[in-house]
Amino acid sequence: MLPLLLLFLGLPAHQTRFFAHLIPLWQAIPGRVNARNFGRYSEWDERTFRRWMHKTLPWGELHWGLVRLLIRWGVLGSRFILAIDASFIPKSGKHTEGLGAFWNGSQSRSDTGLELSCLALISLTGQHAFPLDIRQTRPKQDRADRLQQYLEQLKDVFTRRLDGLSGHLRAVVADGQYAKKMLMDAIHAEQIAFVTKLQSNANLLYPFTGAHPTRRGARRKWSGKVDFNDWSGWQSVPGDAQERVWTRVVWAPRL
């Protein structure tokens, strides 16, 4: 399949030769994935791999080409969701590029290390994940806003990939740190649903659905604040015995 994928992408001949040599080796070698280990199990020298890894390579096009091929061949279904999340990598030292304080979810605290922001396409039928875009998050000391970086990455993927996903993408899914108006507006502008989680103290209101009294002034919009201890008026969604899901349309005035 790899030769067909490289032929489908139409990469330059030198990049095609490199990927044709690297990817099977990557899947076969034991131990750590680095230039030294590549050189140990290959006829190419370690310095050759180091020089290639310092170049800008079309990794995103490789992943995107694989997804398009699988859709064309009917291996993947026609429905996908786009998931975005950040991964923390522990790292010490003072000279590592992009080193800073980032949220470490496994420890539930901020630690010193690196962060990678990943956008992945998830098939709803086979539940396979295909990374589309991975970028390193710049730390605060570089005067870089973390959410703005996520927004730029998301808009860039929409610009470059959305035409190929027309009719296939159902929703964008993210955790609570992405529940910000700037991200919601960008996703809403593409007419795509956004599934996320709000804070436990989020200000949510019930829309007023009753008859409006005959009086002067604006009509009543809200019928009270959402109280998560009172589930009257909510509808239960059928599910398995291990979970209970409730649904209701509410409004977040801030959004």
Protein backbone atom coordinates (compact mmCIF):
# COMPACT_ATOMS: atom_id res chain seq x y z
CA MET A 1 0.00 0.00 0.00
CA LEU A 2 2.90 2.37 0.73
CA PRO A 3 4.09 2.53 -2.94
CA LEU A 4 0.53 3.34 -4.05
CA LEU A 5 0.24 6.07 -1.41
CA LEU A 6 3.54 7.69 -2.40
CA LEU A 7 2.54 7.52 -6.07
CA PHE A 8 -0.86 9.05 -5.23
CA LEU A 9 0.77 11.99 -3.43
CA GLY A 10 3.12 12.78 -6.27
CA LEU A 11 6.02 13.74 -3.98
CA PRO A 12 9.47 14.61 -5.36
CA ALA A 13 11.62 11.56 -6.12
CA HIS A 14 14.09 12.16 -3.26
CA GLN A 15 11.26 12.42 -0.67
CA THR A 16 9.57 9.33 -2.13
CA ARG A 17 12.78 7.32 -1.71
CA PHE A 18 13.20 8.53 1.87
CA PHE A 19 9.64 7.69 2.95
CA ALA A 20 9.79 4.32 1.16
CA HIS A 21 12.87 3.48 3.22
CA LEU A 22 11.86 5.09 6.53
CA ILE A 23 8.29 3.95 7.12
CA PRO A 24 8.83 0.14 6.86
CA LEU A 25 11.93 0.55 9.02
CA TRP A 26 9.98 2.60 11.55
CA GLN A 27 7.43 -0.20 11.93
CA ALA A 28 10.03 -2.96 12.25
CA ILE A 29 12.78 -1.71 14.57
CA PRO A 30 12.62 -2.50 18.29
CA GLY A 31 13.46 0.00 21.00
CA ARG A 32 13.58 3.77 20.77
CA VAL A 33 12.68 5.58 17.56
CA ASN A 34 15.64 7.87 16.90
CA ALA A 35 18.35 8.45 14.30
CA ARG A 36 20.86 6.23 16.09
CA ASN A 37 18.50 3.28 16.13
CA PHE A 38 17.53 3.88 12.49
CA GLY A 39 21.19 3.78 11.52
CA ARG A 40 21.74 0.59 13.50
CA TYR A 41 19.08 -1.35 11.57
CA SER A 42 19.58 0.29 8.16
CA GLU A 43 22.26 0.46 5.49
CA TRP A 44 21.96 4.25 5.68
CA ASP A 45 24.18 6.16 8.08
CA GLU A 46 22.82 7.73 11.25
CA ARG A 47 23.81 11.20 10.00
CA THR A 48 21.63 10.70 6.92
CA PHE A 49 18.54 10.28 9.09
CA ARG A 50 19.52 13.28 11.23
CA ARG A 51 19.87 15.51 8.15
CA TRP A 52 16.48 14.38 6.84
CA MET A 53 14.76 14.96 10.20
CA HIS A 54 16.03 18.55 10.22
CA LYS A 55 14.21 19.20 6.94
CA THR A 56 10.60 20.19 6.51
CA LEU A 57 8.86 17.01 5.39
CA PRO A 58 5.21 16.70 4.24
CA TRP A 59 4.03 14.54 7.12
CA GLY A 60 0.60 16.14 7.00
CA GLU A 61 0.22 15.38 3.30
CA LEU A 62 1.22 11.77 3.99
CA HIS A 63 -1.50 11.33 6.60
CA TRP A 64 -4.09 13.19 4.54
CA GLY A 65 -3.26 11.17 1.44
CA LEU A 66 -3.78 7.93 3.38
CA VAL A 67 -7.22 9.06 4.55
CA ARG A 68 -8.27 10.05 1.02
CA LEU A 69 -7.10 6.71 -0.37
CA LEU A 70 -9.00 4.73 2.27
CA ILE A 71 -12.16 6.74 1.61
CA ARG A 72 -11.79 6.26 -2.14
CA TRP A 73 -11.33 2.50 -1.74
CA GLY A 74 -14.33 2.22 0.59
CA VAL A 75 -12.24 0.98 3.52
CA LEU A 76 -13.44 3.85 5.70
CA GLY A 77 -17.02 4.98 6.12
CA SER A 78 -18.31 8.36 5.06
CA ARG A 79 -18.84 9.86 8.52
CA PHE A 80 -16.07 11.40 10.60
CA ILE A 81 -15.58 13.64 13.59
CA LEU A 82 -12.61 15.97 14.03
CA ALA A 83 -11.01 15.76 17.49
CA ILE A 84 -8.56 18.30 18.90
CA ASP A 85 -6.48 17.78 22.03
CA ALA A 86 -3.09 18.65 23.49
CA SER A 87 -0.50 16.15 24.76
CA PHE A 88 2.11 16.93 27.40
CA ILE A 89 5.68 15.61 27.10
CA PRO A 90 7.87 15.79 30.26
CA LYS A 91 11.21 17.41 29.46
CA SER A 92 14.00 18.87 31.57
CA GLY A 93 16.94 21.08 30.63
CA LYS A 94 17.29 24.71 29.71
CA HIS A 95 18.02 24.65 25.98
CA THR A 96 15.11 22.60 24.60
CA GLU A 97 13.13 24.52 22.00
CA GLY A 98 9.63 25.40 23.20
CA LEU A 99 10.20 24.37 26.82
CA GLY A 100 7.68 25.87 29.22
CA ALA A 101 4.96 25.26 31.79
CA PHE A 102 2.04 23.28 30.36
CA TRP A 103 -0.89 21.37 31.83
CA ASN A 104 -0.03 17.75 32.62
CA GLY A 105 -3.31 15.87 32.63
CA SER A 106 -1.84 12.69 34.12
CA GLN A 107 -0.72 14.64 37.21
CA SER A 108 -3.55 17.23 37.19
CA ARG A 109 -1.09 20.11 37.44
CA SER A 110 1.20 22.33 35.38
CA ASP A 111 4.67 20.89 34.78
CA THR A 112 7.76 21.87 32.84
CA GLY A 113 7.94 20.21 29.46
CA LEU A 114 6.63 20.39 25.89
CA GLU A 115 3.13 20.39 24.47
CA LEU A 116 1.86 19.11 21.13
CA SER A 117 -1.55 20.10 19.78
CA CYS A 118 -3.08 17.39 17.59
CA LEU A 119 -6.05 17.43 15.22
CA ALA A 120 -7.18 13.92 14.31
CA LEU A 121 -9.92 12.60 12.06
CA ILE A 122 -11.91 9.79 13.71
CA SER A 123 -14.00 7.35 11.72
CA LEU A 124 -17.41 6.76 13.31
CA THR A 125 -17.73 3.27 11.82
CA GLY A 126 -14.33 1.73 12.46
CA GLN A 127 -13.34 4.10 15.30
CA HIS A 128 -9.92 4.67 13.74
CA ALA A 129 -8.00 7.90 14.40
CA PHE A 130 -5.90 9.56 11.68
CA PRO A 131 -3.78 12.56 12.76
CA LEU A 132 -4.16 15.45 10.31
CA ASP A 133 -2.08 18.20 11.90
CA ILE A 134 0.34 18.19 14.85
CA ARG A 135 2.04 21.37 16.08
CA GLN A 136 4.21 22.29 19.02
CA THR A 137 2.65 24.84 21.36
CA ARG A 138 4.84 27.85 22.12
CA PRO A 139 5.17 28.69 25.83
CA LYS A 140 3.98 31.84 27.59
CA GLN A 141 7.48 33.29 27.87
CA ASP A 142 7.42 33.65 24.07
CA ARG A 143 4.39 35.93 24.55
CA ALA A 144 2.26 33.37 22.76
CA ASP A 145 -1.41 32.88 23.63
CA ARG A 146 -2.16 29.17 23.87
CA LEU A 147 -5.80 29.41 22.74
CA GLN A 148 -4.85 31.64 19.83
CA GLN A 149 -2.41 28.97 18.67
CA TYR A 150 -5.17 26.34 18.82
CA LEU A 151 -7.44 28.65 16.84
CA GLU A 152 -4.82 29.26 14.13
CA GLN A 153 -4.22 25.52 13.78
CA LEU A 154 -7.94 24.81 13.53
CA LYS A 155 -8.51 27.51 10.89
CA ASP A 156 -5.51 26.29 8.91
CA VAL A 157 -6.90 22.74 8.79
CA PHE A 158 -10.31 24.07 7.75
CA THR A 159 -8.69 26.04 4.92
CA ARG A 160 -6.51 23.21 3.61
CA ARG A 161 -8.61 20.11 4.30
CA LEU A 162 -12.28 21.04 4.56
CA ASP A 163 -12.95 20.81 0.82
CA GLY A 164 -11.81 17.18 0.88
CA LEU A 165 -14.06 16.49 3.87
CA SER A 166 -17.18 18.08 2.42
CA GLY A 167 -20.15 15.89 3.31
CA HIS A 168 -18.05 13.63 5.55
CA LEU A 169 -17.34 15.75 8.66
CA ARG A 170 -20.13 15.69 11.24
CA ALA A 171 -18.70 17.49 14.27
CA VAL A 172 -15.64 18.87 16.03
CA VAL A 173 -15.03 17.31 19.46
CA ALA A 174 -12.85 18.80 22.21
CA ASP A 175 -12.59 18.85 25.99
CA GLY A 176 -13.43 21.71 28.33
CA GLN A 177 -10.35 23.87 27.74
CA TYR A 178 -11.56 24.52 24.17
CA ALA A 179 -15.02 25.72 25.26
CA LYS A 180 -14.21 29.34 24.40
CA LYS A 181 -16.17 31.75 22.25
CA MET A 182 -13.33 32.36 19.79
CA LEU A 183 -13.13 28.65 18.96
CA MET A 184 -16.90 28.18 18.89
CA ASP A 185 -17.30 31.08 16.46
CA ALA A 186 -14.65 29.66 14.10
CA ILE A 187 -16.33 26.23 14.05
CA HIS A 188 -19.83 27.71 13.72
CA ALA A 189 -18.65 29.77 10.73
CA GLU A 190 -17.94 26.48 8.91
CA GLN A 191 -21.47 25.25 9.76
CA ILE A 192 -20.12 22.29 11.74
CA ALA A 193 -21.43 21.10 15.10
CA PHE A 194 -19.16 21.53 18.14
CA VAL A 195 -19.27 19.00 20.98
CA THR A 196 -17.46 20.04 24.15
CA LYS A 197 -17.77 20.28 27.92
CA LEU A 198 -18.49 23.43 29.90
CA GLN A 199 -17.30 24.19 33.39
CA SER A 200 -19.38 22.88 36.28
CA ASN A 201 -20.28 26.47 37.26
CA ALA A 202 -21.17 27.61 33.72
CA ASN A 203 -24.02 30.11 33.53
CA LEU A 204 -26.82 28.31 31.63
CA LEU A 205 -30.44 29.44 31.30
CA TYR A 206 -33.67 27.71 30.33
CA PRO A 207 -35.35 29.42 27.35
CA PHE A 208 -38.89 30.61 28.09
CA THR A 209 -41.45 28.58 26.11
CA GLY A 210 -44.72 29.67 27.72
CA ALA A 211 -47.28 32.22 26.59
CA HIS A 212 -46.07 35.81 26.83
CA PRO A 213 -48.26 38.10 28.94
CA THR A 214 -49.93 41.06 27.29
CA ARG A 215 -47.88 43.98 28.52
CA ARG A 216 -45.51 46.63 27.35
CA GLY A 217 -41.81 45.93 26.95
CA ALA A 218 -39.66 43.16 25.56
CA ARG A 219 -40.80 39.58 25.63
CA ARG A 220 -39.51 37.27 28.29
CA LYS A 221 -36.51 35.20 27.13
CA TRP A 222 -35.53 33.02 30.08
CA SER A 223 -37.44 30.93 32.59
CA GLY A 224 -34.68 30.44 35.13
CA LYS A 225 -31.13 29.27 35.65
CA VAL A 226 -30.14 25.64 35.09
CA ASP A 227 -29.91 23.68 38.34
CA PHE A 228 -28.12 20.36 37.87
CA ASN A 229 -29.73 19.01 41.04
CA ASP A 230 -33.16 19.30 39.43
CA TRP A 231 -33.67 17.13 36.31
CA SER A 232 -37.35 17.86 35.79
CA GLY A 233 -38.03 18.76 32.17
CA TRP A 234 -34.95 16.90 30.88
CA GLN A 235 -35.30 13.93 28.50
CA SER A 236 -33.48 10.65 29.04
CA VAL A 237 -31.44 9.31 26.12
CA PRO A 238 -31.54 5.51 25.73
CA GLY A 239 -28.19 3.90 26.50
CA ASP A 240 -26.59 0.96 28.21
CA ALA A 241 -26.91 0.08 31.87
CA GLN A 242 -23.62 1.72 32.82
CA GLU A 243 -24.51 5.29 31.91
CA ARG A 244 -27.39 7.76 32.06
CA VAL A 245 -27.59 10.57 29.53
CA TRP A 246 -30.00 13.51 29.75
CA THR A 247 -30.63 16.15 27.11
CA ARG A 248 -32.27 19.57 26.95
CA VAL A 249 -31.83 22.76 24.98
CA VAL A 250 -30.38 25.52 27.18
CA TRP A 251 -28.70 28.86 26.51
CA ALA A 252 -25.28 30.17 27.51
CA PRO A 253 -25.61 33.98 27.44
CA ARG A 254 -21.86 34.50 27.35
CA LEU A 255 -21.59 32.46 24.15
